[in-house]
């Protein structure tokens, strides 16, 4: 009987900044880059032998995703077999006030893995490559208002930045926290809006003028390296795109 194809994932071990235990480690997948719709369609043709062109598949995929988004916004649940999706309203209402208040409530899309995707996990093998080099890294961005992780951030509200050696230190400028927007502009976080500034956790107020069209990437420029300051600042770019709302 032919064995199912085995996927291999490579991961490094990092210190767990969310606990006080110095022996706690977490594994993070070592990923070279993200794949967009175009690259996935090209791989389906080149590797998977799809019987239509990558261009046709990309067009069909974008039509599907656009219609799926429309139906989600009308309140329909989605079940593709590979993932389920739905709309979630977060926040507390009262009998006396049933209105949706943007200050207290938010509307989110929630995605969960489906049965077909869970089945693929049985074919995944993880190679632990050992301890990662103790370099500075932004590991996670959490929107405090919505609870969104590495996705949506709320303008004028707090986000929590988790990582290793991320503290902003050294004379300003150029040491700062800023967002690189997809339109080419840069939005800086004032020093007064850095609420917590620790080596493994930073809490900031998201700038109110951060563009809501397109995406942005968080970047920290700092001289922090532990017990001493670096002679030259270095920049830490979070590799996941964020969407401001």
Protein backbone atom coordinates (compact mmCIF):
# COMPACT_ATOMS: atom_id res chain seq x y z
CA UNK A 1 0.00 0.00 0.00
CA UNK A 2 1.40 3.38 -0.98
CA UNK A 3 2.32 5.55 1.97
CA UNK A 4 0.85 9.07 2.08
CA UNK A 5 3.16 11.92 1.20
CA UNK A 6 5.02 13.16 4.27
CA UNK A 7 5.38 16.89 4.78
CA UNK A 8 8.40 18.16 6.68
CA UNK A 9 8.47 21.32 8.76
CA UNK A 10 11.64 22.76 10.27
CA UNK A 11 11.47 24.60 13.58
CA UNK A 12 13.82 26.25 16.05
CA UNK A 13 13.37 26.44 19.82
CA UNK A 14 13.09 29.86 21.46
CA UNK A 15 12.81 31.11 25.02
CA UNK A 16 9.16 31.43 26.02
CA UNK A 17 8.64 35.12 26.92
CA UNK A 18 5.13 34.43 28.28
CA UNK A 19 6.33 32.52 31.37
CA UNK A 20 8.84 33.17 34.14
CA UNK A 21 10.36 29.67 33.89
CA UNK A 22 13.83 30.01 32.28
CA UNK A 23 13.59 26.41 31.05
CA UNK A 24 10.38 26.94 29.05
CA UNK A 25 10.93 26.82 25.31
CA UNK A 26 8.58 27.24 22.37
CA UNK A 27 9.00 25.97 18.81
CA UNK A 28 8.58 28.35 15.90
CA UNK A 29 8.44 27.20 12.31
CA UNK A 30 11.38 28.32 10.21
CA UNK A 31 9.60 29.73 7.17
CA UNK A 32 11.46 31.38 4.32
CA UNK A 33 8.53 33.47 3.11
CA UNK A 34 4.75 33.61 2.72
CA UNK A 35 2.90 32.42 -0.38
CA UNK A 36 0.23 34.58 -1.98
CA UNK A 37 -2.56 33.35 -4.27
CA UNK A 38 -0.42 33.69 -7.39
CA UNK A 39 2.45 31.62 -5.98
CA UNK A 40 0.12 28.90 -4.69
CA UNK A 41 -1.54 28.60 -8.10
CA UNK A 42 1.83 28.40 -9.83
CA UNK A 43 2.91 25.64 -7.42
CA UNK A 44 -0.35 23.76 -8.09
CA UNK A 45 0.56 23.67 -11.78
CA UNK A 46 4.32 23.04 -11.52
CA UNK A 47 4.30 20.64 -8.55
CA UNK A 48 0.74 19.39 -8.43
CA UNK A 49 0.11 18.98 -12.15
CA UNK A 50 -3.10 21.01 -12.22
CA UNK A 51 -4.88 20.75 -15.57
CA UNK A 52 -5.49 24.48 -15.95
CA UNK A 53 -3.06 27.37 -16.17
CA UNK A 54 -1.82 29.22 -13.10
CA UNK A 55 -3.41 32.42 -14.45
CA UNK A 56 -6.84 30.79 -14.80
CA UNK A 57 -6.61 29.25 -11.36
CA UNK A 58 -5.59 32.58 -9.81
CA UNK A 59 -8.55 34.31 -11.46
CA UNK A 60 -10.97 31.64 -10.19
CA UNK A 61 -9.45 31.70 -6.68
CA UNK A 62 -9.78 35.48 -6.44
CA UNK A 63 -13.41 35.29 -7.61
CA UNK A 64 -14.09 32.68 -4.93
CA UNK A 65 -12.38 34.64 -2.17
CA UNK A 66 -14.16 37.86 -3.15
CA UNK A 67 -17.57 36.16 -3.11
CA UNK A 68 -16.76 34.37 0.15
CA UNK A 69 -15.94 37.74 1.75
CA UNK A 70 -19.22 39.19 0.49
CA UNK A 71 -21.27 36.30 1.89
CA UNK A 72 -19.42 36.48 5.22
CA UNK A 73 -20.34 40.15 5.50
CA UNK A 74 -23.99 39.15 5.02
CA UNK A 75 -23.70 36.89 8.08
CA UNK A 76 -23.38 33.51 6.35
CA UNK A 77 -21.07 30.86 7.77
CA UNK A 78 -18.51 29.26 5.46
CA UNK A 79 -17.38 25.63 5.44
CA UNK A 80 -14.92 24.72 2.69
CA UNK A 81 -13.89 21.45 4.31
CA UNK A 82 -10.42 22.91 4.74
CA UNK A 83 -11.54 25.76 6.98
CA UNK A 84 -14.68 27.21 8.48
CA UNK A 85 -15.31 30.93 8.83
CA UNK A 86 -17.91 33.19 10.36
CA UNK A 87 -18.55 36.66 11.73
CA UNK A 88 -18.15 37.27 15.45
CA UNK A 89 -19.35 40.31 17.41
CA UNK A 90 -17.13 40.98 20.40
CA UNK A 91 -18.20 43.08 23.38
CA UNK A 92 -20.91 43.23 26.03
CA UNK A 93 -24.42 44.60 25.50
CA UNK A 94 -26.99 45.58 28.13
CA UNK A 95 -30.77 45.38 28.12
CA UNK A 96 -30.95 49.17 28.30
CA UNK A 97 -28.43 49.76 25.49
CA UNK A 98 -28.59 47.33 22.58
CA UNK A 99 -26.75 49.52 20.09
CA UNK A 100 -23.46 48.52 18.50
CA UNK A 101 -20.92 50.94 19.95
CA UNK A 102 -17.52 51.02 18.15
CA UNK A 103 -15.90 51.96 21.45
CA UNK A 104 -17.19 48.81 23.17
CA UNK A 105 -17.83 46.37 20.34
CA UNK A 106 -16.00 45.07 17.31
CA UNK A 107 -16.87 42.81 14.40
CA UNK A 108 -14.34 40.11 13.53
CA UNK A 109 -13.98 37.28 11.06
CA UNK A 110 -13.06 34.00 12.73
CA UNK A 111 -11.36 31.17 10.81
CA UNK A 112 -10.83 27.63 12.08
CA UNK A 113 -9.23 24.59 10.51
CA UNK A 114 -11.65 22.12 8.99
CA UNK A 115 -11.66 18.32 8.79
CA UNK A 116 -9.66 18.11 5.55
CA UNK A 117 -6.92 20.38 6.87
CA UNK A 118 -6.78 18.47 10.18
CA UNK A 119 -6.35 15.27 8.17
CA UNK A 120 -3.24 16.75 6.53
CA UNK A 121 -1.62 17.14 9.96
CA UNK A 122 -1.26 13.36 10.19
CA UNK A 123 1.22 13.61 7.30
CA UNK A 124 3.38 16.34 8.84
CA UNK A 125 6.75 15.59 10.41
CA UNK A 126 8.53 18.29 12.44
CA UNK A 127 12.32 18.52 12.49
CA UNK A 128 13.49 20.44 15.56
CA UNK A 129 16.71 22.13 14.49
CA UNK A 130 17.79 22.98 18.04
CA UNK A 131 18.00 26.20 19.97
CA UNK A 132 17.73 29.34 17.91
CA UNK A 133 20.44 31.91 18.18
CA UNK A 134 19.49 34.37 20.92
CA UNK A 135 18.92 37.20 18.49
CA UNK A 136 16.37 39.95 18.78
CA UNK A 137 12.98 39.05 17.31
CA UNK A 138 9.37 40.23 17.28
CA UNK A 139 7.33 37.07 17.86
CA UNK A 140 3.74 38.21 18.27
CA UNK A 141 1.48 41.26 18.08
CA UNK A 142 -1.76 41.15 20.10
CA UNK A 143 -4.56 43.70 19.78
CA UNK A 144 -5.71 44.29 23.36
CA UNK A 145 -9.21 45.45 22.43
CA UNK A 146 -10.20 42.59 20.11
CA UNK A 147 -7.76 39.86 21.10
CA UNK A 148 -6.68 39.54 17.47
CA UNK A 149 -3.22 37.97 17.12
CA UNK A 150 -0.88 38.98 14.26
CA UNK A 151 -3.77 40.34 12.24
CA UNK A 152 -6.02 43.32 13.07
CA UNK A 153 -4.87 46.27 15.19
CA UNK A 154 -7.19 49.01 16.48
CA UNK A 155 -6.22 52.64 15.98
CA UNK A 156 -6.07 54.64 19.21
CA UNK A 157 -6.00 51.48 21.35
CA UNK A 158 -3.24 49.34 22.82
CA UNK A 159 -1.33 46.50 21.20
CA UNK A 160 1.02 44.16 23.01
CA UNK A 161 4.28 43.28 21.24
CA UNK A 162 5.91 40.04 22.42
CA UNK A 163 9.45 39.09 21.49
CA UNK A 164 13.10 38.85 22.50
CA UNK A 165 15.39 41.83 23.04
CA UNK A 166 12.84 44.23 21.57
CA UNK A 167 13.12 47.04 24.14
CA UNK A 168 13.53 50.49 22.60
CA UNK A 169 16.77 51.89 23.98
CA UNK A 170 19.30 54.52 23.01
CA UNK A 171 18.98 58.17 22.17
CA UNK A 172 16.16 59.16 19.84
CA UNK A 173 16.16 59.44 16.91
CA UNK A 174 16.57 56.97 15.23
CA UNK A 175 15.42 54.54 17.94
CA UNK A 176 11.67 54.24 17.75
CA UNK A 177 8.64 52.12 16.88
CA UNK A 178 6.96 52.73 13.56
CA UNK A 179 4.69 51.18 10.95
CA UNK A 180 5.67 50.82 7.29
CA UNK A 181 2.47 51.18 5.29
CA UNK A 182 1.72 49.42 2.01
CA UNK A 183 1.24 52.84 0.36
CA UNK A 184 4.92 53.60 1.00
CA UNK A 185 4.45 55.97 3.95
CA UNK A 186 5.75 55.51 7.50
CA UNK A 187 3.73 56.20 10.67
CA UNK A 188 5.73 56.75 13.86
CA UNK A 189 4.68 55.97 17.43
CA UNK A 190 5.45 58.92 19.75
CA UNK A 191 7.61 58.10 22.77
CA UNK A 192 4.72 59.17 25.01
CA UNK A 193 2.56 56.40 23.49
CA UNK A 194 4.97 53.64 24.52
CA UNK A 195 3.17 52.42 27.64
CA UNK A 196 5.42 49.47 28.56
CA UNK A 197 8.98 49.08 27.29
CA UNK A 198 10.56 45.81 28.41
CA UNK A 199 12.99 43.40 26.70
CA UNK A 200 10.29 40.78 26.05
CA UNK A 201 7.14 42.90 26.02
CA UNK A 202 6.21 46.33 24.69
CA UNK A 203 2.77 47.90 24.90
CA UNK A 204 1.98 50.89 22.69
CA UNK A 205 -0.97 52.99 21.61
CA UNK A 206 -1.62 52.44 17.91
CA UNK A 207 -1.42 55.79 16.08
CA UNK A 208 -4.83 57.21 15.23
CA UNK A 209 -3.64 58.33 11.79
CA UNK A 210 -2.47 54.87 10.70
CA UNK A 211 -3.98 54.19 7.23
CA UNK A 212 -6.89 51.74 7.16
CA UNK A 213 -6.48 50.91 3.48
CA UNK A 214 -3.94 48.22 2.71
CA UNK A 215 -1.70 46.64 5.32
CA UNK A 216 1.30 47.71 7.38
CA UNK A 217 4.35 46.14 8.99
CA UNK A 218 5.61 46.87 12.48
CA UNK A 219 9.26 47.78 12.84
CA UNK A 220 11.33 48.55 15.95
CA UNK A 221 14.65 50.37 15.72
CA UNK A 222 16.76 50.10 18.86
CA UNK A 223 20.27 49.85 20.30
CA UNK A 224 19.19 47.37 22.98
CA UNK A 225 21.15 44.11 23.12
CA UNK A 226 20.97 43.09 26.78
CA UNK A 227 23.44 44.42 29.30
CA UNK A 228 25.01 46.94 26.91
CA UNK A 229 23.86 49.16 24.09
CA UNK A 230 24.82 48.47 20.50
CA UNK A 231 27.05 51.07 18.89
CA UNK A 232 24.78 51.18 15.85
CA UNK A 233 20.97 50.80 16.00
CA UNK A 234 19.40 47.79 14.30
CA UNK A 235 15.83 47.33 13.07
CA UNK A 236 13.48 44.43 13.80
CA UNK A 237 10.77 43.98 11.17
CA UNK A 238 7.73 41.87 12.05
CA UNK A 239 7.22 39.50 9.13
CA UNK A 240 3.40 39.32 9.30
CA UNK A 241 1.28 42.08 7.70
CA UNK A 242 -1.14 43.91 10.02
CA UNK A 243 -4.42 45.60 9.17
CA UNK A 244 -5.48 48.78 10.99
CA UNK A 245 -9.12 49.49 11.70
